[in-house]
PDB file of N, CA and C in Angstrom:
ATOM      1  N   MET A   1     -12.237  -3.428  13.247  1.00  0.00           N
ATOM      2  CA  MET A   1     -12.607  -2.725  11.688  1.00  0.00           C
ATOM      3  C   MET A   1     -13.344  -3.823  10.963  1.00  0.00           C
ATOM      4  N   SER A   2     -14.111  -3.588  10.339  1.00  0.00           N
ATOM      5  CA  SER A   2     -14.940  -4.168   9.544  1.00  0.00           C
ATOM      6  C   SER A   2     -14.201  -4.568   8.307  1.00  0.00           C
ATOM      7  N   HIS A   3     -14.866  -5.487   7.606  1.00  0.00           N
ATOM      8  CA  HIS A   3     -14.019  -6.096   6.242  1.00  0.00           C
ATOM      9  C   HIS A   3     -14.183  -4.937   5.175  1.00  0.00           C
ATOM     10  N   ARG A   4     -15.363  -4.222   5.159  1.00  0.00           N
ATOM     11  CA  ARG A   4     -15.592  -3.102   4.488  1.00  0.00           C
ATOM     12  C   ARG A   4     -14.856  -1.981   4.637  1.00  0.00           C
ATOM     13  N   ALA A   5     -14.679  -1.654   5.920  1.00  0.00           N
ATOM     14  CA  ALA A   5     -13.946  -0.244   6.146  1.00  0.00           C
ATOM     15  C   ALA A   5     -12.442  -0.689   5.781  1.00  0.00           C
ATOM     16  N   ALA A   6     -11.677  -1.943   5.923  1.00  0.00           N
ATOM     17  CA  ALA A   6     -10.513  -2.295   5.792  1.00  0.00           C
ATOM     18  C   ALA A   6     -10.302  -2.188   4.299  1.00  0.00           C
ATOM     19  N   SER A   7     -11.510  -2.898   3.467  1.00  0.00           N
ATOM     20  CA  SER A   7     -11.091  -2.834   2.108  1.00  0.00           C
ATOM     21  C   SER A   7     -11.004  -1.152   1.821  1.00  0.00           C
ATOM     22  N   ASN A   8     -12.025  -0.067   2.225  1.00  0.00           N
ATOM     23  CA  ASN A   8     -12.196   1.115   1.564  1.00  0.00           C
ATOM     24  C   ASN A   8     -10.675   1.841   2.196  1.00  0.00           C
ATOM     25  N   LEU A   9     -10.210   1.378   3.348  1.00  0.00           N
ATOM     26  CA  LEU A   9      -8.879   1.863   3.732  1.00  0.00           C
ATOM     27  C   LEU A   9      -7.821   1.520   2.755  1.00  0.00           C
ATOM     28  N   LEU A  10      -7.823   0.013   2.474  1.00  0.00           N
ATOM     29  CA  LEU A  10      -6.899  -0.450   1.615  1.00  0.00           C
ATOM     30  C   LEU A  10      -7.050   0.358   0.090  1.00  0.00           C
ATOM     31  N   VAL A  11      -7.988   0.524  -0.509  1.00  0.00           N
ATOM     32  CA  VAL A  11      -8.069   1.055  -1.503  1.00  0.00           C
ATOM     33  C   VAL A  11      -7.728   2.597  -1.520  1.00  0.00           C
ATOM     34  N   GLY A  12      -8.189   3.387  -0.531  1.00  0.00           N
ATOM     35  CA  GLY A  12      -7.611   4.660  -0.390  1.00  0.00           C
ATOM     36  C   GLY A  12      -6.269   4.635  -0.376  1.00  0.00           C
ATOM     37  N   ALA A  13      -5.516   4.127   0.619  1.00  0.00           N
ATOM     38  CA  ALA A  13      -3.980   3.965   0.736  1.00  0.00           C
ATOM     39  C   ALA A  13      -3.364   3.856  -0.866  1.00  0.00           C
ATOM     40  N   LEU A  14      -4.020   2.750  -1.623  1.00  0.00           N
ATOM     41  CA  LEU A  14      -3.452   2.218  -2.681  1.00  0.00           C
ATOM     42  C   LEU A  14      -3.464   3.632  -3.736  1.00  0.00           C
ATOM     43  N   LEU A  15      -4.636   4.345  -3.716  1.00  0.00           N
ATOM     44  CA  LEU A  15      -4.759   5.653  -4.742  1.00  0.00           C
ATOM     45  C   LEU A  15      -3.750   6.537  -4.124  1.00  0.00           C
ATOM     46  N   ALA A  16      -3.727   6.638  -2.974  1.00  0.00           N
ATOM     47  CA  ALA A  16      -2.773   7.782  -2.478  1.00  0.00           C
ATOM     48  C   ALA A  16      -1.257   7.395  -2.510  1.00  0.00           C
ATOM     49  N   LEU A  17      -0.853   6.156  -2.797  1.00  0.00           N
ATOM     50  CA  LEU A  17       0.335   5.756  -2.934  1.00  0.00           C
ATOM     51  C   LEU A  17       0.414   6.006  -4.451  1.00  0.00           C
ATOM     52  N   ALA A  18      -0.271   5.765  -5.479  1.00  0.00           N
ATOM     53  CA  ALA A  18       0.039   5.875  -6.845  1.00  0.00           C
ATOM     54  C   ALA A  18       0.017   7.439  -6.975  1.00  0.00           C
ATOM     55  N   ALA A  19      -0.808   8.160  -6.500  1.00  0.00           N
ATOM     56  CA  ALA A  19      -0.724   9.548  -6.510  1.00  0.00           C
ATOM     57  C   ALA A  19       0.580  10.262  -6.262  1.00  0.00           C
ATOM     58  N   LEU A  20       1.136   9.421  -4.908  1.00  0.00           N
ATOM     59  CA  LEU A  20       2.612   9.994  -4.603  1.00  0.00           C
ATOM     60  C   LEU A  20       3.273   9.741  -5.322  1.00  0.00           C
ATOM     61  N   TYR A  21       3.648   8.403  -5.879  1.00  0.00           N
ATOM     62  CA  TYR A  21       4.545   8.215  -6.989  1.00  0.00           C
ATOM     63  C   TYR A  21       4.419   9.222  -8.201  1.00  0.00           C
ATOM     64  N   GLY A  22       2.990   9.161  -8.457  1.00  0.00           N
ATOM     65  CA  GLY A  22       2.888  10.027  -9.769  1.00  0.00           C
ATOM     66  C   GLY A  22       3.695  11.514  -9.700  1.00  0.00           C
ATOM     67  N   TYR A  23       3.419  12.013  -8.541  1.00  0.00           N
ATOM     68  CA  TYR A  23       3.924  13.332  -8.155  1.00  0.00           C
ATOM     69  C   TYR A  23       5.434  13.150  -7.942  1.00  0.00           C
ATOM     70  N   TRP A  24       5.989  12.350  -7.327  1.00  0.00           N
ATOM     71  CA  TRP A  24       7.356  11.816  -7.137  1.00  0.00           C
ATOM     72  C   TRP A  24       8.193  11.858  -8.470  1.00  0.00           C
ATOM     73  N   PHE A  25       7.821  11.079  -9.488  1.00  0.00           N
ATOM     74  CA  PHE A  25       8.354  10.720 -10.668  1.00  0.00           C
ATOM     75  C   PHE A  25       7.878  11.732 -11.688  1.00  0.00           C
ATOM     76  N   HIS A  26       7.299  12.806 -11.525  1.00  0.00           N
ATOM     77  CA  HIS A  26       6.845  13.419 -12.774  1.00  0.00           C
ATOM     78  C   HIS A  26       7.706  14.096 -13.575  1.00  0.00           C
ATOM     79  N   ASP A  27       8.909  14.679 -12.994  1.00  0.00           N
ATOM     80  CA  ASP A  27      10.071  15.220 -13.687  1.00  0.00           C
ATOM     81  C   ASP A  27      11.057  14.245 -13.842  1.00  0.00           C
ATOM     82  N   ASP A  28      11.024  12.987 -13.493  1.00  0.00           N
ATOM     83  CA  ASP A  28      12.335  12.000 -13.762  1.00  0.00           C
ATOM     84  C   ASP A  28      12.362  11.726 -15.226  1.00  0.00           C
ATOM     85  N   HIS A  29      13.739  11.567 -15.427  1.00  0.00           N
ATOM     86  CA  HIS A  29      14.172  11.297 -16.903  1.00  0.00           C
ATOM     87  C   HIS A  29      13.732  10.205 -17.396  1.00  0.00           C
ATOM     88  N   HIS A  30      13.270   8.954 -16.695  1.00  0.00           N
ATOM     89  CA  HIS A  30      12.873   7.577 -17.104  1.00  0.00           C
ATOM     90  C   HIS A  30      11.491   7.836 -16.539  1.00  0.00           C
ATOM     91  N   ARG A  31      10.628   8.741 -16.733  1.00  0.00           N
ATOM     92  CA  ARG A  31       9.265   8.859 -16.099  1.00  0.00           C
ATOM     93  C   ARG A  31       8.469   7.755 -16.553  1.00  0.00           C
ATOM     94  N   VAL A  32       8.489   7.290 -17.930  1.00  0.00           N
ATOM     95  CA  VAL A  32       7.511   6.300 -18.082  1.00  0.00           C
ATOM     96  C   VAL A  32       7.766   5.124 -17.439  1.00  0.00           C
ATOM     97  N   ALA A  33       8.723   4.669 -17.460  1.00  0.00           N
ATOM     98  CA  ALA A  33       9.486   3.548 -16.815  1.00  0.00           C
ATOM     99  C   ALA A  33       8.984   3.484 -15.062  1.00  0.00           C
ATOM    100  N   ALA A  34       9.297   4.944 -14.657  1.00  0.00           N
ATOM    101  CA  ALA A  34       8.908   5.077 -13.225  1.00  0.00           C
ATOM    102  C   ALA A  34       7.621   4.747 -12.961  1.00  0.00           C
ATOM    103  N   LEU A  35       6.751   5.396 -13.659  1.00  0.00           N
ATOM    104  CA  LEU A  35       5.362   5.183 -13.386  1.00  0.00           C
ATOM    105  C   LEU A  35       4.964   3.911 -13.537  1.00  0.00           C
ATOM    106  N   LEU A  36       5.398   3.101 -14.486  1.00  0.00           N
ATOM    107  CA  LEU A  36       4.723   1.940 -14.662  1.00  0.00           C
ATOM    108  C   LEU A  36       5.239   0.950 -13.636  1.00  0.00           C
ATOM    109  N   VAL A  37       6.301   1.266 -13.152  1.00  0.00           N
ATOM    110  CA  VAL A  37       6.732   0.334 -11.848  1.00  0.00           C
ATOM    111  C   VAL A  37       6.302   0.601 -10.556  1.00  0.00           C
ATOM    112  N   PHE A  38       6.169   1.897 -10.414  1.00  0.00           N
ATOM    113  CA  PHE A  38       5.555   2.434  -9.162  1.00  0.00           C
ATOM    114  C   PHE A  38       4.113   2.992  -8.943  1.00  0.00           C
ATOM    115  N   ALA A  39       3.656   3.539 -10.057  1.00  0.00           N
ATOM    116  CA  ALA A  39       2.438   4.089 -10.055  1.00  0.00           C
ATOM    117  C   ALA A  39       1.284   2.929 -10.437  1.00  0.00           C
ATOM    118  N   LEU A  40       1.485   2.338 -11.546  1.00  0.00           N
ATOM    119  CA  LEU A  40       0.665   1.621 -11.987  1.00  0.00           C
ATOM    120  C   LEU A  40       0.126   0.365 -11.220  1.00  0.00           C
ATOM    121  N   PRO A  41       1.108  -0.261 -10.588  1.00  0.00           N
ATOM    122  CA  PRO A  41       0.618  -1.571  -9.627  1.00  0.00           C
ATOM    123  C   PRO A  41      -0.397  -1.169  -8.254  1.00  0.00           C
ATOM    124  N   PRO A  42      -0.117  -0.071  -7.729  1.00  0.00           N
ATOM    125  CA  PRO A  42      -1.063   0.252  -6.943  1.00  0.00           C
ATOM    126  C   PRO A  42      -2.687   0.677  -7.161  1.00  0.00           C
ATOM    127  N   LEU A  43      -2.393   1.196  -8.760  1.00  0.00           N
ATOM    128  CA  LEU A  43      -3.590   1.471  -9.116  1.00  0.00           C
ATOM    129  C   LEU A  43      -4.415   0.352  -9.802  1.00  0.00           C
ATOM    130  N   ALA A  44      -3.679  -0.653 -10.355  1.00  0.00           N
ATOM    131  CA  ALA A  44      -4.385  -2.036 -10.555  1.00  0.00           C
ATOM    132  C   ALA A  44      -4.725  -2.543  -9.282  1.00  0.00           C
ATOM    133  N   LEU A  45      -4.177  -2.703  -8.197  1.00  0.00           N
ATOM    134  CA  LEU A  45      -4.484  -3.324  -7.216  1.00  0.00           C
ATOM    135  C   LEU A  45      -5.588  -2.836  -6.536  1.00  0.00           C
ATOM    136  N   ALA A  46      -5.747  -1.303  -6.720  1.00  0.00           N
ATOM    137  CA  ALA A  46      -6.912  -0.746  -6.118  1.00  0.00           C
ATOM    138  C   ALA A  46      -8.220  -1.069  -6.560  1.00  0.00           C
ATOM    139  N   ALA A  47      -8.213  -1.156  -8.150  1.00  0.00           N
ATOM    140  CA  ALA A  47      -9.094  -1.609  -8.765  1.00  0.00           C
ATOM    141  C   ALA A  47      -9.645  -2.997  -8.686  1.00  0.00           C
ATOM    142  N   LEU A  48      -8.902  -3.828  -8.139  1.00  0.00           N
ATOM    143  CA  LEU A  48      -9.128  -5.189  -7.994  1.00  0.00           C
ATOM    144  C   LEU A  48      -9.353  -5.550  -6.541  1.00  0.00           C
ATOM    145  N   ALA A  49      -8.923  -4.816  -5.618  1.00  0.00           N
ATOM    146  CA  ALA A  49      -8.900  -5.109  -4.229  1.00  0.00           C
ATOM    147  C   ALA A  49     -10.058  -5.422  -3.687  1.00  0.00           C
ATOM    148  N   PRO A  50     -11.150  -4.489  -3.878  1.00  0.00           N
ATOM    149  CA  PRO A  50     -12.609  -4.627  -3.283  1.00  0.00           C
ATOM    150  C   PRO A  50     -13.425  -6.143  -3.683  1.00  0.00           C
ATOM    151  N   ARG A  51     -12.962  -6.642  -4.718  1.00  0.00           N
ATOM    152  CA  ARG A  51     -13.577  -7.772  -5.462  1.00  0.00           C
ATOM    153  C   ARG A  51     -12.655  -9.151  -5.256  1.00  0.00           C
ATOM    154  N   GLN A  52     -11.454  -9.101  -5.151  1.00  0.00           N
ATOM    155  CA  GLN A  52     -10.628 -10.281  -5.314  1.00  0.00           C
ATOM    156  C   GLN A  52      -9.783 -10.282  -3.670  1.00  0.00           C
ATOM    157  N   ARG A  53     -10.017 -11.426  -3.156  1.00  0.00           N
ATOM    158  CA  ARG A  53      -8.989 -11.414  -1.863  1.00  0.00           C
ATOM    159  C   ARG A  53      -7.467 -11.563  -2.466  1.00  0.00           C
ATOM    160  N   HIS A  54      -7.221 -12.099  -3.717  1.00  0.00           N
ATOM    161  CA  HIS A  54      -5.937 -12.524  -3.883  1.00  0.00           C
ATOM    162  C   HIS A  54      -5.288 -11.104  -4.136  1.00  0.00           C
ATOM    163  N   ALA A  55      -6.141 -10.154  -4.637  1.00  0.00           N
ATOM    164  CA  ALA A  55      -5.212  -8.819  -4.668  1.00  0.00           C
ATOM    165  C   ALA A  55      -4.945  -8.388  -3.627  1.00  0.00           C
ATOM    166  N   ARG A  56      -6.019  -8.418  -2.287  1.00  0.00           N
ATOM    167  CA  ARG A  56      -5.395  -7.789  -1.105  1.00  0.00           C
ATOM    168  C   ARG A  56      -4.124  -8.305  -0.689  1.00  0.00           C
ATOM    169  N   PHE A  57      -4.158  -9.889  -0.918  1.00  0.00           N
ATOM    170  CA  PHE A  57      -2.864 -10.318  -0.477  1.00  0.00           C
ATOM    171  C   PHE A  57      -1.575  -9.735  -1.370  1.00  0.00           C
ATOM    172  N   TRP A  58      -1.716  -9.526  -2.529  1.00  0.00           N
ATOM    173  CA  TRP A  58      -0.625  -9.090  -3.510  1.00  0.00           C
ATOM    174  C   TRP A  58      -0.297  -7.539  -2.968  1.00  0.00           C
ATOM    175  N   ALA A  59      -1.298  -6.996  -2.748  1.00  0.00           N
ATOM    176  CA  ALA A  59      -1.216  -5.278  -2.106  1.00  0.00           C
ATOM    177  C   ALA A  59      -0.324  -5.355  -0.894  1.00  0.00           C
ATOM    178  N   GLY A  60      -0.439  -6.334   0.170  1.00  0.00           N
ATOM    179  CA  GLY A  60       0.456  -6.594   1.132  1.00  0.00           C
ATOM    180  C   GLY A  60       1.869  -6.881   0.788  1.00  0.00           C
ATOM    181  N   VAL A  61       1.966  -7.766  -0.092  1.00  0.00           N
ATOM    182  CA  VAL A  61       3.456  -8.140  -0.566  1.00  0.00           C
ATOM    183  C   VAL A  61       3.947  -6.912  -1.119  1.00  0.00           C
ATOM    184  N   ALA A  62       3.248  -6.370  -2.227  1.00  0.00           N
ATOM    185  CA  ALA A  62       3.614  -5.321  -2.919  1.00  0.00           C
ATOM    186  C   ALA A  62       4.179  -4.087  -1.825  1.00  0.00           C
ATOM    187  N   ALA A  63       3.269  -4.085  -0.875  1.00  0.00           N
ATOM    188  CA  ALA A  63       3.823  -2.871   0.156  1.00  0.00           C
ATOM    189  C   ALA A  63       5.163  -2.972   0.899  1.00  0.00           C
ATOM    190  N   LEU A  64       5.357  -4.354   0.931  1.00  0.00           N
ATOM    191  CA  LEU A  64       6.852  -4.651   1.239  1.00  0.00           C
ATOM    192  C   LEU A  64       7.847  -4.240   0.365  1.00  0.00           C
ATOM    193  N   PHE A  65       7.790  -4.083  -0.816  1.00  0.00           N
ATOM    194  CA  PHE A  65       8.330  -3.394  -1.844  1.00  0.00           C
ATOM    195  C   PHE A  65       8.722  -1.827  -1.511  1.00  0.00           C
ATOM    196  N   TRP A  66       7.431  -1.309  -1.574  1.00  0.00           N
ATOM    197  CA  TRP A  66       7.165  -0.018  -1.300  1.00  0.00           C
ATOM    198  C   TRP A  66       7.878   0.381  -0.327  1.00  0.00           C
ATOM    199  N   PHE A  67       7.702  -0.090   1.119  1.00  0.00           N
ATOM    200  CA  PHE A  67       8.385   0.141   2.305  1.00  0.00           C
ATOM    201  C   PHE A  67       9.550  -0.029   2.040  1.00  0.00           C
ATOM    202  N   SER A  68      10.251  -0.770   1.548  1.00  0.00           N
ATOM    203  CA  SER A  68      11.652  -1.071   1.305  1.00  0.00           C
ATOM    204  C   SER A  68      12.403   0.343   0.414  1.00  0.00           C
ATOM    205  N   HIS A  69      11.649   0.656  -0.646  1.00  0.00           N
ATOM    206  CA  HIS A  69      12.159   1.761  -1.480  1.00  0.00           C
ATOM    207  C   HIS A  69      11.985   2.700  -0.494  1.00  0.00           C
ATOM    208  N   GLY A  70      11.207   3.053   0.307  1.00  0.00           N
ATOM    209  CA  GLY A  70      10.928   4.036   1.056  1.00  0.00           C
ATOM    210  C   GLY A  70      12.073   4.575   2.038  1.00  0.00           C
ATOM    211  N   VAL A  71      12.340   3.449   2.591  1.00  0.00           N
ATOM    212  CA  VAL A  71      13.657   3.407   3.555  1.00  0.00           C
ATOM    213  C   VAL A  71      15.007   3.631   2.882  1.00  0.00           C
ATOM    214  N   MET A  72      15.135   3.150   1.735  1.00  0.00           N
ATOM    215  CA  MET A  72      16.407   3.470   0.938  1.00  0.00           C
ATOM    216  C   MET A  72      16.464   4.834   0.622  1.00  0.00           C
ATOM    217  N   SER A  73      15.353   5.343   0.185  1.00  0.00           N
ATOM    218  CA  SER A  73      15.103   6.773  -0.520  1.00  0.00           C
ATOM    219  C   SER A  73      15.479   7.873   0.785  1.00  0.00           C
ATOM    220  N   ALA A  74      14.702   7.481   1.787  1.00  0.00           N
ATOM    221  CA  ALA A  74      14.739   8.338   2.962  1.00  0.00           C
ATOM    222  C   ALA A  74      16.201   8.419   3.356  1.00  0.00           C
ATOM    223  N   TRP A  75      16.937   7.441   3.498  1.00  0.00           N
ATOM    224  CA  TRP A  75      18.404   7.358   4.144  1.00  0.00           C
ATOM    225  C   TRP A  75      19.299   7.794   2.984  1.00  0.00           C
ATOM    226  N   SER A  76      18.966   7.477   1.645  1.00  0.00           N
ATOM    227  CA  SER A  76      20.189   7.727   0.836  1.00  0.00           C
ATOM    228  C   SER A  76      20.004   8.951  -0.003  1.00  0.00           C
ATOM    229  N   ASN A  77      18.759   9.519  -0.138  1.00  0.00           N
ATOM    230  CA  ASN A  77      18.545  10.760  -0.911  1.00  0.00           C
ATOM    231  C   ASN A  77      17.554  11.870  -0.042  1.00  0.00           C
ATOM    232  N   PRO A  78      18.385  12.999   0.819  1.00  0.00           N
ATOM    233  CA  PRO A  78      17.658  13.612   1.522  1.00  0.00           C
ATOM    234  C   PRO A  78      16.671  14.548   0.744  1.00  0.00           C
ATOM    235  N   PRO A  79      16.869  15.000  -0.215  1.00  0.00           N
ATOM    236  CA  PRO A  79      15.771  15.763  -0.960  1.00  0.00           C
ATOM    237  C   PRO A  79      14.561  14.975  -1.360  1.00  0.00           C
ATOM    238  N   THR A  80      14.713  13.730  -1.302  1.00  0.00           N
ATOM    239  CA  THR A  80      13.076  12.964  -1.328  1.00  0.00           C
ATOM    240  C   THR A  80      12.750  12.489  -0.139  1.00  0.00           C
ATOM    241  N   ARG A  81      13.357  12.892   1.070  1.00  0.00           N
ATOM    242  CA  ARG A  81      13.121  12.367   2.354  1.00  0.00           C
ATOM    243  C   ARG A  81      11.628  12.214   2.586  1.00  0.00           C
ATOM    244  N   ILE A  82      10.869  13.448   2.573  1.00  0.00           N
ATOM    245  CA  ILE A  82       9.735  13.556   2.963  1.00  0.00           C
ATOM    246  C   ILE A  82       8.595  12.925   2.118  1.00  0.00           C
ATOM    247  N   LEU A  83       9.004  12.753   1.076  1.00  0.00           N
ATOM    248  CA  LEU A  83       8.107  11.768  -0.023  1.00  0.00           C
ATOM    249  C   LEU A  83       8.387  10.437   0.213  1.00  0.00           C
ATOM    250  N   ALA A  84       9.806  10.242   0.476  1.00  0.00           N
ATOM    251  CA  ALA A  84       9.924   8.939   1.094  1.00  0.00           C
ATOM    252  C   ALA A  84       9.486   8.401   2.458  1.00  0.00           C
ATOM    253  N   CYS A  85       9.314   9.313   3.267  1.00  0.00           N
ATOM    254  CA  CYS A  85       8.380   8.754   4.521  1.00  0.00           C
ATOM    255  C   CYS A  85       7.014   8.806   4.485  1.00  0.00           C
ATOM    256  N   LEU A  86       6.312   9.671   3.372  1.00  0.00           N
ATOM    257  CA  LEU A  86       5.061   9.493   2.970  1.00  0.00           C
ATOM    258  C   LEU A  86       4.689   8.009   2.760  1.00  0.00           C
ATOM    259  N   ALA A  87       5.654   7.692   1.415  1.00  0.00           N
ATOM    260  CA  ALA A  87       5.406   6.119   1.095  1.00  0.00           C
ATOM    261  C   ALA A  87       5.563   5.136   2.030  1.00  0.00           C
ATOM    262  N   LEU A  88       6.531   5.398   3.181  1.00  0.00           N
ATOM    263  CA  LEU A  88       6.528   4.362   4.135  1.00  0.00           C
ATOM    264  C   LEU A  88       5.109   4.326   5.030  1.00  0.00           C
ATOM    265  N   VAL A  89       4.515   5.450   5.378  1.00  0.00           N
ATOM    266  CA  VAL A  89       3.662   5.551   6.299  1.00  0.00           C
ATOM    267  C   VAL A  89       2.265   4.853   5.272  1.00  0.00           C
ATOM    268  N   LEU A  90       2.291   5.096   3.937  1.00  0.00           N
ATOM    269  CA  LEU A  90       1.150   4.528   3.311  1.00  0.00           C
ATOM    270  C   LEU A  90       1.398   3.242   3.007  1.00  0.00           C
ATOM    271  N   ALA A  91       2.766   2.612   2.786  1.00  0.00           N
ATOM    272  CA  ALA A  91       2.964   1.293   2.922  1.00  0.00           C
ATOM    273  C   ALA A  91       2.466   0.309   3.688  1.00  0.00           C
ATOM    274  N   LEU A  92       2.803   0.960   4.973  1.00  0.00           N
ATOM    275  CA  LEU A  92       2.652   0.402   6.450  1.00  0.00           C
ATOM    276  C   LEU A  92       0.639   0.250   6.582  1.00  0.00           C
ATOM    277  N   VAL A  93       0.014   1.511   6.144  1.00  0.00           N
ATOM    278  CA  VAL A  93      -1.507   1.333   5.990  1.00  0.00           C
ATOM    279  C   VAL A  93      -1.738   0.222   5.090  1.00  0.00           C
ATOM    280  N   VAL A  94      -1.472   0.396   3.873  1.00  0.00           N
ATOM    281  CA  VAL A  94      -1.625  -0.855   2.889  1.00  0.00           C
ATOM    282  C   VAL A  94      -1.569  -2.185   3.856  1.00  0.00           C
ATOM    283  N   ILE A  95      -0.420  -2.450   4.203  1.00  0.00           N
ATOM    284  CA  ILE A  95      -0.090  -3.975   5.246  1.00  0.00           C
ATOM    285  C   ILE A  95      -1.133  -4.148   6.180  1.00  0.00           C
ATOM    286  N   ALA A  96      -1.412  -2.989   6.955  1.00  0.00           N
ATOM    287  CA  ALA A  96      -2.219  -3.302   7.948  1.00  0.00           C
ATOM    288  C   ALA A  96      -3.715  -3.579   7.410  1.00  0.00           C
ATOM    289  N   ALA A  97      -4.165  -2.677   6.347  1.00  0.00           N
ATOM    290  CA  ALA A  97      -5.492  -2.748   5.835  1.00  0.00           C
ATOM    291  C   ALA A  97      -5.572  -4.393   5.141  1.00  0.00           C
ATOM    292  N   ALA A  98      -4.445  -4.615   4.534  1.00  0.00           N
ATOM    293  CA  ALA A  98      -4.507  -6.040   3.852  1.00  0.00           C
ATOM    294  C   ALA A  98      -4.467  -7.025   4.861  1.00  0.00           C
ATOM    295  N   SER A  99      -3.830  -7.035   5.870  1.00  0.00           N
ATOM    296  CA  SER A  99      -3.984  -8.024   6.829  1.00  0.00           C
ATOM    297  C   SER A  99      -5.143  -8.264   7.944  1.00  0.00           C
ATOM    298  N   GLY A 100      -5.442  -6.625   8.073  1.00  0.00           N
ATOM    299  CA  GLY A 100      -6.365  -6.688   9.128  1.00  0.00           C
ATOM    300  C   GLY A 100      -7.673  -7.643   9.317  1.00  0.00           C
ATOM    301  N   PRO A 101      -8.253  -7.935   8.420  1.00  0.00           N
ATOM    302  CA  PRO A 101      -9.386  -8.940   8.324  1.00  0.00           C
ATOM    303  C   PRO A 101      -8.679 -10.289   8.868  1.00  0.00           C
ATOM    304  N   GLY A 102      -7.986 -10.664   7.903  1.00  0.00           N
ATOM    305  CA  GLY A 102      -7.088 -12.139   8.509  1.00  0.00           C
ATOM    306  C   GLY A 102      -6.888 -12.163   9.990  1.00  0.00           C
ATOM    307  N   LEU A 103      -6.317 -11.158  10.311  1.00  0.00           N
ATOM    308  CA  LEU A 103      -5.706 -11.080  11.718  1.00  0.00           C
ATOM    309  C   LEU A 103      -6.929 -11.131  12.503  1.00  0.00           C
ATOM    310  N   ALA A 104      -8.056 -10.457  12.162  1.00  0.00           N
ATOM    311  CA  ALA A 104      -8.895 -10.417  13.182  1.00  0.00           C
ATOM    312  C   ALA A 104      -9.928 -11.656  13.330  1.00  0.00           C
ATOM    313  N   ALA A 105      -9.925 -12.366  11.877  1.00  0.00           N
ATOM    314  CA  ALA A 105     -10.445 -13.669  11.924  1.00  0.00           C
ATOM    315  C   ALA A 105      -9.556 -14.660  12.880  1.00  0.00           C
ATOM    316  N   ARG A 106      -8.350 -14.580  12.619  1.00  0.00           N
ATOM    317  CA  ARG A 106      -7.359 -15.547  13.458  1.00  0.00           C
ATOM    318  C   ARG A 106      -7.392 -15.507  15.218  1.00  0.00           C
ATOM    319  N   PHE A 107      -7.370 -14.114  14.997  1.00  0.00           N
ATOM    320  CA  PHE A 107      -7.146 -13.922  16.718  1.00  0.00           C
ATOM    321  C   PHE A 107      -8.127 -13.053  17.439  1.00  0.00           C
ATOM    322  N   GLY A 108      -9.415 -13.025  16.842  1.00  0.00           N
ATOM    323  CA  GLY A 108     -10.591 -12.168  17.281  1.00  0.00           C
ATOM    324  C   GLY A 108     -10.981 -12.862  18.549  1.00  0.00           C
ATOM    325  N   ARG A 109     -11.790 -12.025  19.200  1.00  0.00           N
ATOM    326  CA  ARG A 109     -12.239 -12.887  20.419  1.00  0.00           C
ATOM    327  C   ARG A 109     -13.409 -14.091  20.249  1.00  0.00           C
ATOM    328  N   ARG A 110     -13.339 -15.144  20.544  1.00  0.00           N
ATOM    329  CA  ARG A 110     -14.328 -15.795  20.225  1.00  0.00           C
ATOM    330  C   ARG A 110     -15.450 -16.074  21.498  1.00  0.00           C
ATOM    331  N   ARG A 111     -16.601 -16.501  21.049  1.00  0.00           N
ATOM    332  CA  ARG A 111     -17.771 -16.366  21.865  1.00  0.00           C
ATOM    333  C   ARG A 111     -17.826 -17.387  22.713  1.00  0.00           C
ATOM    334  N   PRO A 112     -18.113 -17.421  23.893  1.00  0.00           N
ATOM    335  CA  PRO A 112     -18.057 -18.635  24.943  1.00  0.00           C
ATOM    336  C   PRO A 112     -19.211 -19.805  24.254  1.00  0.00           C
ATOM    337  N   LYS A 113     -18.996 -20.792  24.496  1.00  0.00           N
ATOM    338  CA  LYS A 113     -19.922 -21.798  24.052  1.00  0.00           C
ATOM    339  C   LYS A 113     -20.953 -21.936  25.157  1.00  0.00           C
ATOM    340  N   GLY A 114     -22.040 -22.014  25.059  1.00  0.00           N
ATOM    341  CA  GLY A 114     -23.294 -22.330  25.786  1.00  0.00           C
ATOM    342  C   GLY A 114     -24.212 -21.707  25.896  1.00  0.00           C
TER     343      GLY A 114
END
């Protein structure tokens, strides 16, 4: 996957994650706090990720939090299990897209010298 494709996938996954959390917490009693904690970070990272590699790194780190939250919600709150599983999948996509270019550079095929 090219660097541009990984960046586009990352931005798309972050925007989808923000939309998912916006839907998930739209009727929550602490809606503003939940949106600030869950929906705002992926939106900010989506805006910064195409231009800054540090934002891609932090998107991967934050995705570990989103993944953990999805696991806890899927396990402990059956009514939110589908939303939690969607968050799990999107968090894994964010991790893969944020890590992909670095992994390809490190472990990609090397051209033979000669």
